[in-house]
Amino acid sequence: MTFEPIAAFASARAMLRAGAFAALATLVAAPALAAPHRDPSGTWLTQDGKARIRVEKCGPQEKNLCGYAVWLKVPNNDEGKPRIDFRNPDPKKRARASLGHQLILGLKLNEDARYEGKIYNAEDGKFYDVTIWSEEPEELTVKGCLIAFLCQSQTWKRVNDVAPGQLAGPTNSPTGPRADAEWAPKPATAAAANGPTATGTAGPAPTGKPAPKPAAPKAAQPAE
């Protein structure tokens, strides 16, 4: 009989301990779930310092996330010529310059308020699964995975200056990076280029020719 109270006490203590662990686990997990979503747009220096990557919204209604290499620490090869993307699996892209190429490929926002999708690595010509998010204003976390259990995270630092040789113009402009065709900004339509007419709709541009003169009125005939 003396063992029954002890067993009951031990059982109650175990239940309290389990409840405490559950509460602690909830407290530990809560900050991660409640972490605010920050817009990762901006220019970031990679962890190894080899490149600056411009990250910006793209795609339909700008709901996706794209990124471009706008500065390279070593922009030229051993021959002094601009480096090219010669390892790209697409033969049509192997002659393009490494500076300005797109590497973050239209990531989508997931349920954890993080962007995920594919990233291209020009150093080996391969694509990797990637997740990108920002919890601090000056830091961007980039987690790339070759396979589900082989992942590595990097921390990129925000930069606000323009380094020598950096592409600072808008995407797809002569002084900016180049988007892949599927993520390129849509050009303005021809109708919009012609400008609005008096009714507010687009119309043809004026030709510059003078309007024809009206015909002279005929002389009145005398009455008989």
Protein backbone atom coordinates (compact mmCIF):
# COMPACT_ATOMS: atom_id res chain seq x y z
CA MET A 1 0.00 0.00 0.00
CA THR A 2 2.83 2.34 0.66
CA PHE A 3 3.81 2.12 -3.03
CA GLU A 4 0.50 3.47 -4.38
CA PRO A 5 0.97 7.13 -3.22
CA ILE A 6 4.55 7.09 -4.48
CA ALA A 7 3.46 5.78 -7.87
CA ALA A 8 0.69 8.37 -8.08
CA PHE A 9 3.13 11.16 -7.19
CA ALA A 10 5.61 9.93 -9.77
CA SER A 11 2.89 9.79 -12.41
CA ALA A 12 1.75 13.33 -11.59
CA ARG A 13 5.32 14.60 -11.67
CA ALA A 14 5.87 12.97 -15.08
CA MET A 15 2.72 14.64 -16.40
CA LEU A 16 3.84 18.02 -15.12
CA ARG A 17 7.28 17.53 -16.66
CA ALA A 18 5.76 16.56 -20.02
CA GLY A 19 3.53 19.63 -19.89
CA ALA A 20 6.50 21.85 -19.10
CA PHE A 21 8.47 20.45 -22.03
CA ALA A 22 5.49 20.96 -24.34
CA ALA A 23 5.12 24.58 -23.18
CA LEU A 24 8.85 25.18 -23.62
CA ALA A 25 8.75 23.71 -27.12
CA THR A 26 5.85 26.01 -27.96
CA LEU A 27 7.74 29.04 -26.69
CA VAL A 28 10.83 28.09 -28.69
CA ALA A 29 8.88 27.51 -31.88
CA ALA A 30 6.68 30.60 -31.58
CA PRO A 31 9.27 33.26 -32.56
CA ALA A 32 10.09 31.41 -35.77
CA LEU A 33 6.43 31.20 -36.77
CA ALA A 34 5.80 34.82 -35.83
CA ALA A 35 8.89 36.21 -37.59
CA PRO A 36 7.82 39.21 -39.70
CA HIS A 37 8.09 39.00 -43.47
CA ARG A 38 10.57 41.53 -44.86
CA ASP A 39 10.82 42.49 -48.50
CA PRO A 40 14.17 41.05 -49.69
CA SER A 41 14.45 43.55 -52.54
CA GLY A 42 17.79 45.35 -52.72
CA THR A 43 21.42 44.75 -53.59
CA TRP A 44 23.34 42.18 -51.54
CA LEU A 45 26.99 41.19 -51.21
CA THR A 46 27.40 37.42 -51.21
CA GLN A 47 29.01 35.75 -48.21
CA ASP A 48 32.25 35.05 -50.08
CA GLY A 49 32.44 38.65 -51.34
CA LYS A 50 32.68 37.58 -54.98
CA ALA A 51 29.49 39.17 -56.27
CA ARG A 52 26.74 41.67 -55.67
CA ILE A 53 23.26 40.40 -56.42
CA ARG A 54 20.33 42.70 -57.13
CA VAL A 55 17.07 41.15 -55.88
CA GLU A 56 13.78 42.58 -57.10
CA LYS A 57 10.15 41.69 -57.71
CA CYS A 58 9.29 40.25 -61.13
CA GLY A 59 6.70 38.25 -63.04
CA PRO A 60 2.93 38.75 -63.28
CA GLN A 61 1.82 41.45 -60.83
CA GLU A 62 5.40 41.36 -59.46
CA LYS A 63 4.59 38.48 -57.11
CA ASN A 64 7.81 36.58 -57.90
CA LEU A 65 11.40 37.29 -56.92
CA CYS A 66 14.29 37.52 -59.37
CA GLY A 67 17.98 38.24 -58.90
CA TYR A 68 20.88 39.34 -61.09
CA ALA A 69 24.66 39.50 -60.76
CA VAL A 70 25.27 43.26 -61.03
CA TRP A 71 28.90 43.25 -59.85
CA LEU A 72 31.72 40.69 -59.91
CA LYS A 73 34.92 40.91 -57.93
CA VAL A 74 36.73 39.30 -60.88
CA PRO A 75 34.77 40.26 -64.00
CA ASN A 76 37.46 39.17 -66.48
CA ASN A 77 39.08 35.82 -67.21
CA ASP A 78 42.82 35.03 -67.33
CA GLU A 79 43.00 36.50 -70.84
CA GLY A 80 41.58 39.82 -69.68
CA LYS A 81 38.28 39.29 -71.46
CA PRO A 82 34.84 39.49 -69.78
CA ARG A 83 33.86 36.21 -68.20
CA ILE A 84 31.09 34.30 -69.95
CA ASP A 85 28.59 31.69 -68.81
CA PHE A 86 30.30 28.85 -70.70
CA ARG A 87 29.05 26.11 -68.37
CA ASN A 88 25.38 26.90 -68.93
CA PRO A 89 23.40 23.79 -69.98
CA ASP A 90 21.59 25.94 -72.57
CA PRO A 91 23.95 26.32 -75.56
CA LYS A 92 22.29 29.62 -76.46
CA LYS A 93 23.41 31.15 -73.17
CA ARG A 94 27.02 29.99 -73.11
CA ALA A 95 28.30 33.12 -74.81
CA ARG A 96 26.47 35.58 -72.55
CA ALA A 97 28.47 37.70 -70.13
CA SER A 98 28.57 36.53 -66.53
CA LEU A 99 28.16 40.11 -65.38
CA GLY A 100 24.46 40.91 -65.50
CA HIS A 101 23.10 37.39 -65.89
CA GLN A 102 19.99 36.22 -64.01
CA LEU A 103 20.54 33.60 -61.31
CA ILE A 104 17.44 33.85 -59.07
CA LEU A 105 14.61 32.49 -61.18
CA GLY A 106 11.20 33.81 -60.22
CA LEU A 107 10.88 32.50 -56.66
CA LYS A 108 7.42 32.21 -55.13
CA LEU A 109 6.30 33.15 -51.62
CA ASN A 110 5.51 30.06 -49.54
CA GLU A 111 3.30 29.58 -46.48
CA ASP A 112 6.21 30.47 -44.18
CA ALA A 113 6.57 33.93 -45.81
CA ARG A 114 9.80 32.85 -47.49
CA TYR A 115 10.61 32.80 -51.18
CA GLU A 116 11.48 29.44 -52.71
CA GLY A 117 12.30 28.08 -56.15
CA LYS A 118 15.44 27.67 -58.24
CA ILE A 119 18.81 29.41 -58.29
CA TYR A 120 21.42 29.03 -61.03
CA ASN A 121 25.11 28.63 -60.17
CA ALA A 122 27.29 29.80 -63.06
CA GLU A 123 30.39 28.27 -61.45
CA ASP A 124 29.17 24.73 -62.16
CA GLY A 125 26.29 25.36 -64.58
CA LYS A 126 23.72 23.71 -62.30
CA PHE A 127 20.37 24.64 -60.78
CA TYR A 128 19.61 24.24 -57.09
CA ASP A 129 16.54 24.46 -54.88
CA VAL A 130 16.75 27.65 -52.86
CA THR A 131 14.85 29.43 -50.10
CA ILE A 132 15.41 33.13 -49.43
CA TRP A 133 14.18 35.25 -46.54
CA SER A 134 15.15 38.31 -44.52
CA GLU A 135 14.65 38.65 -40.78
CA GLU A 136 17.07 41.55 -40.30
CA PRO A 137 17.04 44.73 -42.44
CA GLU A 138 20.70 44.38 -43.43
CA GLU A 139 20.86 40.58 -43.88
CA LEU A 140 19.49 38.10 -46.39
CA THR A 141 19.51 34.36 -45.69
CA VAL A 142 19.97 32.14 -48.74
CA LYS A 143 19.53 28.39 -48.22
CA GLY A 144 20.45 26.23 -51.19
CA CYS A 145 19.86 22.50 -51.41
CA LEU A 146 21.33 20.01 -53.89
CA ILE A 147 19.11 17.31 -52.38
CA ALA A 148 16.75 17.32 -49.43
CA PHE A 149 19.36 16.43 -46.81
CA LEU A 150 22.31 18.31 -48.34
CA CYS A 151 21.63 22.00 -47.77
CA GLN A 152 23.80 24.97 -46.90
CA SER A 153 22.85 28.47 -45.77
CA GLN A 154 24.63 31.74 -46.49
CA THR A 155 24.14 35.24 -45.14
CA TRP A 156 24.35 38.07 -47.66
CA LYS A 157 24.88 41.66 -46.53
CA ARG A 158 22.96 44.62 -47.89
CA VAL A 159 24.98 47.25 -49.79
CA ASN A 160 23.76 50.74 -50.59
CA ASP A 161 26.71 52.13 -52.54
CA VAL A 162 27.66 51.54 -56.19
CA ALA A 163 31.00 49.79 -56.65
CA PRO A 164 33.23 50.46 -59.68
CA GLY A 165 31.99 48.32 -62.56
CA GLN A 166 28.57 47.69 -60.99
CA LEU A 167 25.50 47.66 -63.24
CA ALA A 168 23.27 50.35 -61.77
CA GLY A 169 20.64 50.81 -64.49
CA PRO A 170 17.16 49.26 -64.59
CA THR A 171 16.85 45.63 -65.61
CA ASN A 172 17.13 45.15 -69.40
CA SER A 173 18.38 48.71 -69.94
CA PRO A 174 21.77 49.36 -71.58
CA THR A 175 23.35 49.96 -68.15
CA GLY A 176 21.47 47.25 -66.23
CA PRO A 177 21.38 43.45 -65.90
CA ARG A 178 19.60 41.15 -68.35
CA ALA A 179 16.53 39.11 -67.47
CA ASP A 180 15.86 35.67 -68.93
CA ALA A 181 13.11 35.80 -71.55
CA GLU A 182 10.39 34.39 -69.29
CA TRP A 183 11.09 37.02 -66.60
CA ALA A 184 11.87 40.02 -68.80
CA PRO A 185 9.75 43.15 -68.29
CA LYS A 186 6.97 43.37 -70.87
CA PRO A 187 7.55 46.03 -73.57
CA ALA A 188 5.02 48.81 -74.06
CA THR A 189 2.39 48.11 -76.71
CA ALA A 190 2.40 49.96 -80.01
CA ALA A 191 -0.96 51.54 -79.21
CA ALA A 192 0.37 52.98 -75.97
CA ALA A 193 3.41 54.31 -77.82
CA ASN A 194 1.17 56.28 -80.22
CA GLY A 195 -0.34 58.22 -77.34
CA PRO A 196 -3.97 59.05 -76.46
CA THR A 197 -6.40 60.71 -78.82
CA ALA A 198 -8.98 63.36 -77.95
CA THR A 199 -11.34 60.65 -76.72
CA GLY A 200 -8.66 59.16 -74.47
CA THR A 201 -7.95 56.10 -76.65
CA ALA A 202 -4.76 55.42 -78.56
CA GLY A 203 -4.78 56.45 -82.20
CA PRO A 204 -2.42 56.82 -85.16
CA ALA A 205 0.26 59.47 -85.06
CA PRO A 206 -0.28 62.56 -87.24
CA THR A 207 1.33 62.40 -90.70
CA GLY A 208 2.22 66.08 -90.89
CA LYS A 209 0.37 66.61 -94.23
CA PRO A 210 -1.86 69.74 -94.46
CA ALA A 211 -5.62 69.21 -94.55
CA PRO A 212 -7.19 69.51 -98.05
CA LYS A 213 -8.76 72.89 -98.90
CA PRO A 214 -12.56 72.95 -99.18
CA ALA A 215 -14.01 73.30 -102.72
CA ALA A 216 -15.04 76.82 -103.80
CA PRO A 217 -18.85 77.40 -103.83
CA LYS A 218 -20.58 77.57 -107.25
CA ALA A 219 -21.88 80.96 -108.49
CA ALA A 220 -25.66 81.47 -108.26
CA GLN A 221 -27.61 81.28 -111.62
CA PRO A 222 -29.84 84.27 -112.57
CA ALA A 223 -33.57 83.59 -112.42
CA GLU A 224 -35.48 83.44 -115.79
